[in-house]
PDB file of N, CA and C in Angstrom:
ATOM      1  N   MET A   1      12.768  -3.935 -12.867  1.00  0.00           N
ATOM      2  CA  MET A   1      12.425  -4.396 -11.538  1.00  0.00           C
ATOM      3  C   MET A   1      11.318  -3.529 -10.954  1.00  0.00           C
ATOM      4  N   LEU A   2      10.323  -4.172 -10.349  1.00  0.00           N
ATOM      5  CA  LEU A   2       9.238  -3.446  -9.710  1.00  0.00           C
ATOM      6  C   LEU A   2       9.663  -3.012  -8.313  1.00  0.00           C
ATOM      7  N   THR A   3       9.348  -1.787  -7.974  1.00  0.00           N
ATOM      8  CA  THR A   3       9.617  -1.278  -6.641  1.00  0.00           C
ATOM      9  C   THR A   3       8.285  -1.170  -5.905  1.00  0.00           C
ATOM     10  N   ILE A   4       8.217  -1.821  -4.745  1.00  0.00           N
ATOM     11  CA  ILE A   4       6.960  -1.912  -4.001  1.00  0.00           C
ATOM     12  C   ILE A   4       7.175  -1.450  -2.569  1.00  0.00           C
ATOM     13  N   VAL A   5       6.323  -0.535  -2.115  1.00  0.00           N
ATOM     14  CA  VAL A   5       6.377  -0.053  -0.744  1.00  0.00           C
ATOM     15  C   VAL A   5       5.190  -0.632   0.014  1.00  0.00           C
ATOM     16  N   LEU A   6       5.488  -1.218   1.181  1.00  0.00           N
ATOM     17  CA  LEU A   6       4.453  -1.760   2.062  1.00  0.00           C
ATOM     18  C   LEU A   6       4.466  -0.931   3.347  1.00  0.00           C
ATOM     19  N   ILE A   7       3.341  -0.302   3.654  1.00  0.00           N
ATOM     20  CA  ILE A   7       3.249   0.509   4.871  1.00  0.00           C
ATOM     21  C   ILE A   7       2.175  -0.104   5.766  1.00  0.00           C
ATOM     22  N   ASP A   8       2.623  -0.706   6.851  1.00  0.00           N
ATOM     23  CA  ASP A   8       1.713  -1.397   7.761  1.00  0.00           C
ATOM     24  C   ASP A   8       2.429  -1.589   9.088  1.00  0.00           C
ATOM     25  N   ASP A   9       1.754  -1.281  10.186  1.00  0.00           N
ATOM     26  CA  ASP A   9       2.386  -1.432  11.500  1.00  0.00           C
ATOM     27  C   ASP A   9       2.381  -2.884  11.995  1.00  0.00           C
ATOM     28  N   ASP A  10       1.793  -3.789  11.218  1.00  0.00           N
ATOM     29  CA  ASP A  10       1.769  -5.210  11.581  1.00  0.00           C
ATOM     30  C   ASP A  10       2.801  -5.966  10.745  1.00  0.00           C
ATOM     31  N   PRO A  11       3.938  -6.355  11.347  1.00  0.00           N
ATOM     32  CA  PRO A  11       4.990  -7.018  10.574  1.00  0.00           C
ATOM     33  C   PRO A  11       4.559  -8.356   9.976  1.00  0.00           C
ATOM     34  N   ILE A  12       3.632  -9.041  10.591  1.00  0.00           N
ATOM     35  CA  ILE A  12       3.157 -10.328  10.051  1.00  0.00           C
ATOM     36  C   ILE A  12       2.377 -10.093   8.767  1.00  0.00           C
ATOM     37  N   SER A  13       1.526  -9.096   8.765  1.00  0.00           N
ATOM     38  CA  SER A  13       0.765  -8.747   7.563  1.00  0.00           C
ATOM     39  C   SER A  13       1.709  -8.354   6.429  1.00  0.00           C
ATOM     40  N   THR A  14       2.724  -7.564   6.750  1.00  0.00           N
ATOM     41  CA  THR A  14       3.712  -7.144   5.753  1.00  0.00           C
ATOM     42  C   THR A  14       4.453  -8.349   5.190  1.00  0.00           C
ATOM     43  N   PHE A  15       4.841  -9.265   6.060  1.00  0.00           N
ATOM     44  CA  PHE A  15       5.552 -10.480   5.646  1.00  0.00           C
ATOM     45  C   PHE A  15       4.696 -11.303   4.691  1.00  0.00           C
ATOM     46  N   VAL A  16       3.431 -11.511   5.053  1.00  0.00           N
ATOM     47  CA  VAL A  16       2.507 -12.296   4.226  1.00  0.00           C
ATOM     48  C   VAL A  16       2.303 -11.628   2.869  1.00  0.00           C
ATOM     49  N   THR A  17       2.105 -10.329   2.855  1.00  0.00           N
ATOM     50  CA  THR A  17       1.908  -9.590   1.610  1.00  0.00           C
ATOM     51  C   THR A  17       3.141  -9.708   0.704  1.00  0.00           C
ATOM     52  N   GLU A  18       4.314  -9.518   1.287  1.00  0.00           N
ATOM     53  CA  GLU A  18       5.548  -9.602   0.503  1.00  0.00           C
ATOM     54  C   GLU A  18       5.719 -10.994  -0.104  1.00  0.00           C
ATOM     55  N   LYS A  19       5.492 -12.036   0.688  1.00  0.00           N
ATOM     56  CA  LYS A  19       5.652 -13.412   0.188  1.00  0.00           C
ATOM     57  C   LYS A  19       4.651 -13.705  -0.931  1.00  0.00           C
ATOM     58  N   LEU A  20       3.412 -13.283  -0.751  1.00  0.00           N
ATOM     59  CA  LEU A  20       2.377 -13.533  -1.751  1.00  0.00           C
ATOM     60  C   LEU A  20       2.708 -12.839  -3.072  1.00  0.00           C
ATOM     61  N   ILE A  21       3.153 -11.603  -3.000  1.00  0.00           N
ATOM     62  CA  ILE A  21       3.528 -10.873  -4.214  1.00  0.00           C
ATOM     63  C   ILE A  21       4.733 -11.545  -4.873  1.00  0.00           C
ATOM     64  N   SER A  22       5.746 -11.852  -4.083  1.00  0.00           N
ATOM     65  CA  SER A  22       6.967 -12.473  -4.617  1.00  0.00           C
ATOM     66  C   SER A  22       6.681 -13.775  -5.352  1.00  0.00           C
ATOM     67  N   LYS A  23       5.767 -14.569  -4.811  1.00  0.00           N
ATOM     68  CA  LYS A  23       5.454 -15.876  -5.416  1.00  0.00           C
ATOM     69  C   LYS A  23       4.574 -15.772  -6.651  1.00  0.00           C
ATOM     70  N   ASN A  24       3.814 -14.688  -6.771  1.00  0.00           N
ATOM     71  CA  ASN A  24       2.811 -14.616  -7.828  1.00  0.00           C
ATOM     72  C   ASN A  24       3.054 -13.550  -8.893  1.00  0.00           C
ATOM     73  N   VAL A  25       4.118 -12.790  -8.753  1.00  0.00           N
ATOM     74  CA  VAL A  25       4.460 -11.792  -9.763  1.00  0.00           C
ATOM     75  C   VAL A  25       5.733 -12.266 -10.448  1.00  0.00           C
ATOM     76  N   LYS A  26       5.681 -12.352 -11.766  1.00  0.00           N
ATOM     77  CA  LYS A  26       6.813 -12.901 -12.519  1.00  0.00           C
ATOM     78  C   LYS A  26       8.027 -11.983 -12.516  1.00  0.00           C
ATOM     79  N   GLU A  27       7.782 -10.689 -12.522  1.00  0.00           N
ATOM     80  CA  GLU A  27       8.874  -9.715 -12.557  1.00  0.00           C
ATOM     81  C   GLU A  27       9.581  -9.648 -11.193  1.00  0.00           C
ATOM     82  N   PRO A  28      10.904  -9.435 -11.176  1.00  0.00           N
ATOM     83  CA  PRO A  28      11.590  -9.285  -9.889  1.00  0.00           C
ATOM     84  C   PRO A  28      11.088  -8.039  -9.154  1.00  0.00           C
ATOM     85  N   CYS A  29      11.011  -8.145  -7.830  1.00  0.00           N
ATOM     86  CA  CYS A  29      10.481  -7.048  -7.015  1.00  0.00           C
ATOM     87  C   CYS A  29      11.472  -6.653  -5.933  1.00  0.00           C
ATOM     88  N   GLN A  30      11.540  -5.357  -5.700  1.00  0.00           N
ATOM     89  CA  GLN A  30      12.300  -4.846  -4.563  1.00  0.00           C
ATOM     90  C   GLN A  30      11.289  -4.236  -3.604  1.00  0.00           C
ATOM     91  N   PHE A  31      11.343  -4.660  -2.335  1.00  0.00           N
ATOM     92  CA  PHE A  31      10.376  -4.213  -1.339  1.00  0.00           C
ATOM     93  C   PHE A  31      11.005  -3.233  -0.360  1.00  0.00           C
ATOM     94  N   TYR A  32      10.237  -2.222  -0.027  1.00  0.00           N
ATOM     95  CA  TYR A  32      10.570  -1.297   1.055  1.00  0.00           C
ATOM     96  C   TYR A  32       9.429  -1.409   2.050  1.00  0.00           C
ATOM     97  N   LYS A  33       9.765  -1.762   3.297  1.00  0.00           N
ATOM     98  CA  LYS A  33       8.725  -2.000   4.295  1.00  0.00           C
ATOM     99  C   LYS A  33       8.831  -0.979   5.420  1.00  0.00           C
ATOM    100  N   TYR A  34       7.691  -0.422   5.764  1.00  0.00           N
ATOM    101  CA  TYR A  34       7.638   0.590   6.820  1.00  0.00           C
ATOM    102  C   TYR A  34       6.537   0.240   7.815  1.00  0.00           C
ATOM    103  N   GLN A  35       6.864   0.349   9.098  1.00  0.00           N
ATOM    104  CA  GLN A  35       5.845   0.172  10.126  1.00  0.00           C
ATOM    105  C   GLN A  35       5.247   1.527  10.508  1.00  0.00           C
ATOM    106  N   SER A  36       5.797   2.595   9.936  1.00  0.00           N
ATOM    107  CA  SER A  36       5.338   3.944  10.223  1.00  0.00           C
ATOM    108  C   SER A  36       5.084   4.688   8.914  1.00  0.00           C
ATOM    109  N   ALA A  37       3.897   5.240   8.782  1.00  0.00           N
ATOM    110  CA  ALA A  37       3.561   6.013   7.584  1.00  0.00           C
ATOM    111  C   ALA A  37       4.414   7.280   7.518  1.00  0.00           C
ATOM    112  N   LYS A  38       4.718   7.837   8.691  1.00  0.00           N
ATOM    113  CA  LYS A  38       5.525   9.051   8.749  1.00  0.00           C
ATOM    114  C   LYS A  38       6.931   8.785   8.199  1.00  0.00           C
ATOM    115  N   ALA A  39       7.520   7.661   8.572  1.00  0.00           N
ATOM    116  CA  ALA A  39       8.856   7.288   8.073  1.00  0.00           C
ATOM    117  C   ALA A  39       8.811   7.050   6.563  1.00  0.00           C
ATOM    118  N   ALA A  40       7.769   6.393   6.102  1.00  0.00           N
ATOM    119  CA  ALA A  40       7.627   6.122   4.662  1.00  0.00           C
ATOM    120  C   ALA A  40       7.520   7.425   3.879  1.00  0.00           C
ATOM    121  N   LEU A  41       6.765   8.352   4.412  1.00  0.00           N
ATOM    122  CA  LEU A  41       6.548   9.635   3.732  1.00  0.00           C
ATOM    123  C   LEU A  41       7.861  10.391   3.525  1.00  0.00           C
ATOM    124  N   SER A  42       8.780  10.252   4.474  1.00  0.00           N
ATOM    125  CA  SER A  42      10.049  10.977   4.357  1.00  0.00           C
ATOM    126  C   SER A  42      10.961  10.392   3.279  1.00  0.00           C
ATOM    127  N   GLU A  43      10.706   9.147   2.853  1.00  0.00           N
ATOM    128  CA  GLU A  43      11.582   8.499   1.862  1.00  0.00           C
ATOM    129  C   GLU A  43      10.885   8.171   0.537  1.00  0.00           C
ATOM    130  N   ILE A  44       9.587   8.320   0.492  1.00  0.00           N
ATOM    131  CA  ILE A  44       8.795   7.842  -0.645  1.00  0.00           C
ATOM    132  C   ILE A  44       9.205   8.488  -1.974  1.00  0.00           C
ATOM    133  N   TYR A  45       9.543   9.776  -1.943  1.00  0.00           N
ATOM    134  CA  TYR A  45       9.841  10.479  -3.196  1.00  0.00           C
ATOM    135  C   TYR A  45      11.189  10.053  -3.783  1.00  0.00           C
ATOM    136  N   SER A  46      12.119   9.632  -2.931  1.00  0.00           N
ATOM    137  CA  SER A  46      13.411   9.168  -3.445  1.00  0.00           C
ATOM    138  C   SER A  46      13.340   7.710  -3.899  1.00  0.00           C
ATOM    139  N   ILE A  47      12.404   6.948  -3.345  1.00  0.00           N
ATOM    140  CA  ILE A  47      12.240   5.534  -3.734  1.00  0.00           C
ATOM    141  C   ILE A  47      11.554   5.426  -5.101  1.00  0.00           C
ATOM    142  N   LYS A  48      10.584   6.301  -5.342  1.00  0.00           N
ATOM    143  CA  LYS A  48       9.792   6.283  -6.584  1.00  0.00           C
ATOM    144  C   LYS A  48       9.187   4.897  -6.867  1.00  0.00           C
ATOM    145  N   PRO A  49       8.331   4.426  -5.949  1.00  0.00           N
ATOM    146  CA  PRO A  49       7.768   3.076  -6.122  1.00  0.00           C
ATOM    147  C   PRO A  49       6.783   2.977  -7.277  1.00  0.00           C
ATOM    148  N   ASN A  50       6.675   1.753  -7.817  1.00  0.00           N
ATOM    149  CA  ASN A  50       5.650   1.469  -8.820  1.00  0.00           C
ATOM    150  C   ASN A  50       4.305   1.215  -8.133  1.00  0.00           C
ATOM    151  N   TYR A  51       4.376   0.554  -6.976  1.00  0.00           N
ATOM    152  CA  TYR A  51       3.173   0.178  -6.228  1.00  0.00           C
ATOM    153  C   TYR A  51       3.370   0.513  -4.763  1.00  0.00           C
ATOM    154  N   LEU A  52       2.269   0.898  -4.118  1.00  0.00           N
ATOM    155  CA  LEU A  52       2.301   1.201  -2.700  1.00  0.00           C
ATOM    156  C   LEU A  52       1.064   0.577  -2.052  1.00  0.00           C
ATOM    157  N   PHE A  53       1.289  -0.221  -1.024  1.00  0.00           N
ATOM    158  CA  PHE A  53       0.201  -0.848  -0.269  1.00  0.00           C
ATOM    159  C   PHE A  53       0.161  -0.202   1.105  1.00  0.00           C
ATOM    160  N   LEU A  54      -1.006   0.302   1.480  1.00  0.00           N
ATOM    161  CA  LEU A  54      -1.134   1.155   2.659  1.00  0.00           C
ATOM    162  C   LEU A  54      -2.208   0.645   3.609  1.00  0.00           C
ATOM    163  N   ASP A  55      -1.811   0.446   4.863  1.00  0.00           N
ATOM    164  CA  ASP A  55      -2.770   0.139   5.922  1.00  0.00           C
ATOM    165  C   ASP A  55      -3.385   1.455   6.379  1.00  0.00           C
ATOM    166  N   LEU A  56      -4.585   1.415   6.924  1.00  0.00           N
ATOM    167  CA  LEU A  56      -5.237   2.647   7.371  1.00  0.00           C
ATOM    168  C   LEU A  56      -5.023   2.931   8.847  1.00  0.00           C
ATOM    169  N   ASN A  57      -5.188   1.898   9.670  1.00  0.00           N
ATOM    170  CA  ASN A  57      -5.154   2.087  11.119  1.00  0.00           C
ATOM    171  C   ASN A  57      -3.758   1.840  11.673  1.00  0.00           C
ATOM    172  N   MET A  58      -3.034   2.943  11.860  1.00  0.00           N
ATOM    173  CA  MET A  58      -1.680   2.881  12.409  1.00  0.00           C
ATOM    174  C   MET A  58      -1.514   4.009  13.415  1.00  0.00           C
ATOM    175  N   PRO A  59      -0.626   3.797  14.400  1.00  0.00           N
ATOM    176  CA  PRO A  59      -0.387   4.875  15.374  1.00  0.00           C
ATOM    177  C   PRO A  59       0.424   6.014  14.742  1.00  0.00           C
ATOM    178  N   GLU A  60       0.448   7.134  15.377  1.00  0.00           N
ATOM    179  CA  GLU A  60       1.195   8.327  14.982  1.00  0.00           C
ATOM    180  C   GLU A  60       0.633   8.976  13.722  1.00  0.00           C
ATOM    181  N   MET A  61       0.635   8.260  12.598  1.00  0.00           N
ATOM    182  CA  MET A  61       0.089   8.790  11.349  1.00  0.00           C
ATOM    183  C   MET A  61      -0.738   7.686  10.692  1.00  0.00           C
ATOM    184  N   THR A  62      -2.019   7.948  10.487  1.00  0.00           N
ATOM    185  CA  THR A  62      -2.885   6.936   9.865  1.00  0.00           C
ATOM    186  C   THR A  62      -2.669   6.912   8.354  1.00  0.00           C
ATOM    187  N   GLY A  63      -3.235   5.908   7.711  1.00  0.00           N
ATOM    188  CA  GLY A  63      -3.195   5.847   6.255  1.00  0.00           C
ATOM    189  C   GLY A  63      -3.878   7.056   5.630  1.00  0.00           C
ATOM    190  N   TRP A  64      -4.966   7.517   6.271  1.00  0.00           N
ATOM    191  CA  TRP A  64      -5.673   8.699   5.757  1.00  0.00           C
ATOM    192  C   TRP A  64      -4.756   9.923   5.830  1.00  0.00           C
ATOM    193  N   ASP A  65      -4.048  10.084   6.970  1.00  0.00           N
ATOM    194  CA  ASP A  65      -3.112  11.208   7.121  1.00  0.00           C
ATOM    195  C   ASP A  65      -2.030  11.140   6.041  1.00  0.00           C
ATOM    196  N   PHE A  66      -1.543   9.926   5.788  1.00  0.00           N
ATOM    197  CA  PHE A  66      -0.518   9.727   4.759  1.00  0.00           C
ATOM    198  C   PHE A  66      -1.039  10.194   3.403  1.00  0.00           C
ATOM    199  N   LEU A  67      -2.252   9.759   3.047  1.00  0.00           N
ATOM    200  CA  LEU A  67      -2.832  10.137   1.753  1.00  0.00           C
ATOM    201  C   LEU A  67      -3.052  11.642   1.643  1.00  0.00           C
ATOM    202  N   ASP A  68      -3.446  12.260   2.762  1.00  0.00           N
ATOM    203  CA  ASP A  68      -3.694  13.705   2.755  1.00  0.00           C
ATOM    204  C   ASP A  68      -2.396  14.510   2.651  1.00  0.00           C
ATOM    205  N   THR A  69      -1.288  13.926   3.112  1.00  0.00           N
ATOM    206  CA  THR A  69      -0.001  14.623   3.127  1.00  0.00           C
ATOM    207  C   THR A  69       0.809  14.362   1.857  1.00  0.00           C
ATOM    208  N   LEU A  70       0.563  13.233   1.220  1.00  0.00           N
ATOM    209  CA  LEU A  70       1.327  12.826   0.039  1.00  0.00           C
ATOM    210  C   LEU A  70       1.218  13.862  -1.077  1.00  0.00           C
ATOM    211  N   ASP A  71       2.362  14.235  -1.628  1.00  0.00           N
ATOM    212  CA  ASP A  71       2.390  15.154  -2.767  1.00  0.00           C
ATOM    213  C   ASP A  71       2.224  14.313  -4.036  1.00  0.00           C
ATOM    214  N   THR A  72       1.019  14.285  -4.565  1.00  0.00           N
ATOM    215  CA  THR A  72       0.722  13.412  -5.702  1.00  0.00           C
ATOM    216  C   THR A  72       1.467  13.829  -6.970  1.00  0.00           C
ATOM    217  N   ALA A  73       1.915  15.064  -7.026  1.00  0.00           N
ATOM    218  CA  ALA A  73       2.692  15.511  -8.189  1.00  0.00           C
ATOM    219  C   ALA A  73       4.062  14.830  -8.225  1.00  0.00           C
ATOM    220  N   LYS A  74       4.549  14.418  -7.054  1.00  0.00           N
ATOM    221  CA  LYS A  74       5.864  13.777  -6.971  1.00  0.00           C
ATOM    222  C   LYS A  74       5.758  12.259  -6.848  1.00  0.00           C
ATOM    223  N   ASN A  75       4.556  11.724  -6.886  1.00  0.00           N
ATOM    224  CA  ASN A  75       4.368  10.290  -6.680  1.00  0.00           C
ATOM    225  C   ASN A  75       3.640   9.678  -7.869  1.00  0.00           C
ATOM    226  N   GLU A  76       4.226   8.629  -8.437  1.00  0.00           N
ATOM    227  CA  GLU A  76       3.583   7.955  -9.560  1.00  0.00           C
ATOM    228  C   GLU A  76       3.138   6.539  -9.198  1.00  0.00           C
ATOM    229  N   ALA A  77       3.268   6.178  -7.927  1.00  0.00           N
ATOM    230  CA  ALA A  77       2.914   4.819  -7.499  1.00  0.00           C
ATOM    231  C   ALA A  77       1.415   4.573  -7.634  1.00  0.00           C
ATOM    232  N   LYS A  78       1.097   3.342  -7.993  1.00  0.00           N
ATOM    233  CA  LYS A  78      -0.293   2.899  -7.924  1.00  0.00           C
ATOM    234  C   LYS A  78      -0.531   2.540  -6.461  1.00  0.00           C
ATOM    235  N   ILE A  79      -1.485   3.220  -5.838  1.00  0.00           N
ATOM    236  CA  ILE A  79      -1.718   3.046  -4.405  1.00  0.00           C
ATOM    237  C   ILE A  79      -2.932   2.160  -4.169  1.00  0.00           C
ATOM    238  N   TYR A  80      -2.738   1.174  -3.298  1.00  0.00           N
ATOM    239  CA  TYR A  80      -3.811   0.264  -2.895  1.00  0.00           C
ATOM    240  C   TYR A  80      -3.935   0.288  -1.386  1.00  0.00           C
ATOM    241  N   ILE A  81      -5.157   0.435  -0.906  1.00  0.00           N
ATOM    242  CA  ILE A  81      -5.418   0.330   0.524  1.00  0.00           C
ATOM    243  C   ILE A  81      -5.518  -1.152   0.852  1.00  0.00           C
ATOM    244  N   LEU A  82      -4.831  -1.552   1.901  1.00  0.00           N
ATOM    245  CA  LEU A  82      -4.875  -2.931   2.371  1.00  0.00           C
ATOM    246  C   LEU A  82      -5.178  -2.855   3.862  1.00  0.00           C
ATOM    247  N   SER A  83      -6.447  -3.076   4.215  1.00  0.00           N
ATOM    248  CA  SER A  83      -6.873  -2.821   5.589  1.00  0.00           C
ATOM    249  C   SER A  83      -7.710  -3.968   6.146  1.00  0.00           C
ATOM    250  N   SER A  84      -7.674  -4.085   7.463  1.00  0.00           N
ATOM    251  CA  SER A  84      -8.527  -5.084   8.117  1.00  0.00           C
ATOM    252  C   SER A  84      -9.937  -4.517   8.328  1.00  0.00           C
ATOM    253  N   SER A  85     -10.109  -3.231   8.064  1.00  0.00           N
ATOM    254  CA  SER A  85     -11.423  -2.605   8.212  1.00  0.00           C
ATOM    255  C   SER A  85     -12.331  -2.989   7.043  1.00  0.00           C
ATOM    256  N   VAL A  86     -13.527  -3.430   7.358  1.00  0.00           N
ATOM    257  CA  VAL A  86     -14.523  -3.712   6.326  1.00  0.00           C
ATOM    258  C   VAL A  86     -15.672  -2.693   6.421  1.00  0.00           C
ATOM    259  N   ASP A  87     -15.400  -1.585   7.099  1.00  0.00           N
ATOM    260  CA  ASP A  87     -16.369  -0.513   7.275  1.00  0.00           C
ATOM    261  C   ASP A  87     -16.634   0.147   5.921  1.00  0.00           C
ATOM    262  N   GLU A  88     -17.894   0.172   5.519  1.00  0.00           N
ATOM    263  CA  GLU A  88     -18.272   0.766   4.233  1.00  0.00           C
ATOM    264  C   GLU A  88     -17.822   2.219   4.115  1.00  0.00           C
ATOM    265  N   ARG A  89     -17.787   2.946   5.242  1.00  0.00           N
ATOM    266  CA  ARG A  89     -17.361   4.352   5.203  1.00  0.00           C
ATOM    267  C   ARG A  89     -15.900   4.467   4.774  1.00  0.00           C
ATOM    268  N   ASP A  90     -15.057   3.512   5.222  1.00  0.00           N
ATOM    269  CA  ASP A  90     -13.647   3.521   4.807  1.00  0.00           C
ATOM    270  C   ASP A  90     -13.525   3.231   3.317  1.00  0.00           C
ATOM    271  N   ILE A  91     -14.290   2.258   2.851  1.00  0.00           N
ATOM    272  CA  ILE A  91     -14.250   1.878   1.437  1.00  0.00           C
ATOM    273  C   ILE A  91     -14.709   3.054   0.565  1.00  0.00           C
ATOM    274  N   THR A  92     -15.765   3.720   0.991  1.00  0.00           N
ATOM    275  CA  THR A  92     -16.279   4.886   0.265  1.00  0.00           C
ATOM    276  C   THR A  92     -15.268   6.029   0.281  1.00  0.00           C
ATOM    277  N   LYS A  93     -14.685   6.284   1.454  1.00  0.00           N
ATOM    278  CA  LYS A  93     -13.700   7.367   1.580  1.00  0.00           C
ATOM    279  C   LYS A  93     -12.486   7.094   0.680  1.00  0.00           C
ATOM    280  N   ALA A  94     -12.036   5.847   0.629  1.00  0.00           N
ATOM    281  CA  ALA A  94     -10.885   5.489  -0.215  1.00  0.00           C
ATOM    282  C   ALA A  94     -11.165   5.795  -1.679  1.00  0.00           C
ATOM    283  N   SER A  95     -12.398   5.568  -2.107  1.00  0.00           N
ATOM    284  CA  SER A  95     -12.749   5.802  -3.514  1.00  0.00           C
ATOM    285  C   SER A  95     -12.768   7.293  -3.857  1.00  0.00           C
ATOM    286  N   GLU A  96     -12.777   8.156  -2.831  1.00  0.00           N
ATOM    287  CA  GLU A  96     -12.765   9.602  -3.062  1.00  0.00           C
ATOM    288  C   GLU A  96     -11.368  10.121  -3.402  1.00  0.00           C
ATOM    289  N   TYR A  97     -10.348   9.307  -3.150  1.00  0.00           N
ATOM    290  CA  TYR A  97      -8.979   9.675  -3.531  1.00  0.00           C
ATOM    291  C   TYR A  97      -8.745   9.147  -4.939  1.00  0.00           C
ATOM    292  N   GLN A  98      -8.609  10.028  -5.913  1.00  0.00           N
ATOM    293  CA  GLN A  98      -8.516   9.595  -7.313  1.00  0.00           C
ATOM    294  C   GLN A  98      -7.279   8.749  -7.588  1.00  0.00           C
ATOM    295  N   TYR A  99      -6.224   8.902  -6.790  1.00  0.00           N
ATOM    296  CA  TYR A  99      -4.997   8.134  -7.030  1.00  0.00           C
ATOM    297  C   TYR A  99      -4.964   6.810  -6.268  1.00  0.00           C
ATOM    298  N   VAL A 100      -5.993   6.510  -5.480  1.00  0.00           N
ATOM    299  CA  VAL A 100      -6.092   5.190  -4.838  1.00  0.00           C
ATOM    300  C   VAL A 100      -6.796   4.265  -5.830  1.00  0.00           C
ATOM    301  N   LYS A 101      -6.087   3.234  -6.255  1.00  0.00           N
ATOM    302  CA  LYS A 101      -6.609   2.347  -7.297  1.00  0.00           C
ATOM    303  C   LYS A 101      -7.706   1.420  -6.790  1.00  0.00           C
ATOM    304  N   ASP A 102      -7.532   0.902  -5.558  1.00  0.00           N
ATOM    305  CA  ASP A 102      -8.529  -0.041  -5.043  1.00  0.00           C
ATOM    306  C   ASP A 102      -8.360  -0.220  -3.542  1.00  0.00           C
ATOM    307  N   TYR A 103      -9.351  -0.855  -2.944  1.00  0.00           N
ATOM    308  CA  TYR A 103      -9.373  -1.112  -1.501  1.00  0.00           C
ATOM    309  C   TYR A 103      -9.533  -2.613  -1.315  1.00  0.00           C
ATOM    310  N   PHE A 104      -8.596  -3.232  -0.613  1.00  0.00           N
ATOM    311  CA  PHE A 104      -8.660  -4.671  -0.362  1.00  0.00           C
ATOM    312  C   PHE A 104      -8.647  -4.948   1.132  1.00  0.00           C
ATOM    313  N   SER A 105      -9.370  -5.992   1.512  1.00  0.00           N
ATOM    314  CA  SER A 105      -9.339  -6.441   2.904  1.00  0.00           C
ATOM    315  C   SER A 105      -8.149  -7.354   3.101  1.00  0.00           C
ATOM    316  N   LYS A 106      -7.546  -7.250   4.281  1.00  0.00           N
ATOM    317  CA  LYS A 106      -6.451  -8.164   4.636  1.00  0.00           C
ATOM    318  C   LYS A 106      -7.028  -9.535   4.901  1.00  0.00           C
ATOM    319  N   PRO A 107      -6.286 -10.574   4.669  1.00  0.00           N
ATOM    320  CA  PRO A 107      -4.994 -10.559   3.987  1.00  0.00           C
ATOM    321  C   PRO A 107      -5.191 -10.478   2.476  1.00  0.00           C
ATOM    322  N   LEU A 108      -4.172  -9.987   1.805  1.00  0.00           N
ATOM    323  CA  LEU A 108      -4.176  -9.949   0.350  1.00  0.00           C
ATOM    324  C   LEU A 108      -4.240 -11.387  -0.168  1.00  0.00           C
ATOM    325  N   ILE A 109      -5.048 -11.623  -1.182  1.00  0.00           N
ATOM    326  CA  ILE A 109      -5.147 -12.990  -1.719  1.00  0.00           C
ATOM    327  C   ILE A 109      -4.701 -13.008  -3.178  1.00  0.00           C
ATOM    328  N   LYS A 110      -4.415 -14.211  -3.654  1.00  0.00           N
ATOM    329  CA  LYS A 110      -3.868 -14.422  -4.997  1.00  0.00           C
ATOM    330  C   LYS A 110      -4.714 -13.762  -6.089  1.00  0.00           C
ATOM    331  N   LYS A 111      -6.030 -13.859  -5.961  1.00  0.00           N
ATOM    332  CA  LYS A 111      -6.944 -13.276  -6.952  1.00  0.00           C
ATOM    333  C   LYS A 111      -6.697 -11.760  -7.083  1.00  0.00           C
ATOM    334  N   TYR A 112      -6.489 -11.078  -5.955  1.00  0.00           N
ATOM    335  CA  TYR A 112      -6.229  -9.639  -5.983  1.00  0.00           C
ATOM    336  C   TYR A 112      -4.892  -9.346  -6.654  1.00  0.00           C
ATOM    337  N   ILE A 113      -3.895 -10.179  -6.371  1.00  0.00           N
ATOM    338  CA  ILE A 113      -2.553  -9.995  -6.952  1.00  0.00           C
ATOM    339  C   ILE A 113      -2.651  -9.980  -8.463  1.00  0.00           C
ATOM    340  N   LYS A 114      -3.420 -10.928  -9.014  1.00  0.00           N
ATOM    341  CA  LYS A 114      -3.576 -11.003 -10.469  1.00  0.00           C
ATOM    342  C   LYS A 114      -4.211  -9.728 -11.029  1.00  0.00           C
ATOM    343  N   SER A 115      -5.200  -9.186 -10.344  1.00  0.00           N
ATOM    344  CA  SER A 115      -5.860  -7.969 -10.851  1.00  0.00           C
ATOM    345  C   SER A 115      -4.966  -6.743 -10.704  1.00  0.00           C
ATOM    346  N   ILE A 116      -4.104  -6.704  -9.708  1.00  0.00           N
ATOM    347  CA  ILE A 116      -3.222  -5.552  -9.486  1.00  0.00           C
ATOM    348  C   ILE A 116      -2.077  -5.534 -10.500  1.00  0.00           C
ATOM    349  N   PHE A 117      -1.442  -6.688 -10.706  1.00  0.00           N
ATOM    350  CA  PHE A 117      -0.211  -6.739 -11.493  1.00  0.00           C
ATOM    351  C   PHE A 117      -0.402  -7.161 -12.941  1.00  0.00           C
ATOM    352  N   ASN A 118      -1.634  -7.329 -13.400  1.00  0.00           N
ATOM    353  CA  ASN A 118      -1.850  -7.699 -14.809  1.00  0.00           C
ATOM    354  C   ASN A 118      -2.395  -6.549 -15.631  1.00  0.00           C
TER     355      ASN A 118
END
């Protein structure tokens, strides 16, 4: 079973992402959804996700703060940024994190799902 963590302060975006993954990934998935990056960070190491989808613009702790705080030695998840920002600086900054696999604009689309899970 695939374990997937969705970190996004927008519950509609999280709902859409979860449904799209569920419909297009053949393997069964277990989802952990967080509206707070800080809350996710406190549980991420015990969850041991296969995949992590991270929004950047959130209150309290941004996606960037999450990435800077994450202990990569304890995390094996493939991390994908899923953001409404199309700012080239964000895309460039994301590529500077070696453990961030890719940067996608919201909403996640079927074509991206195929490239992530294949």
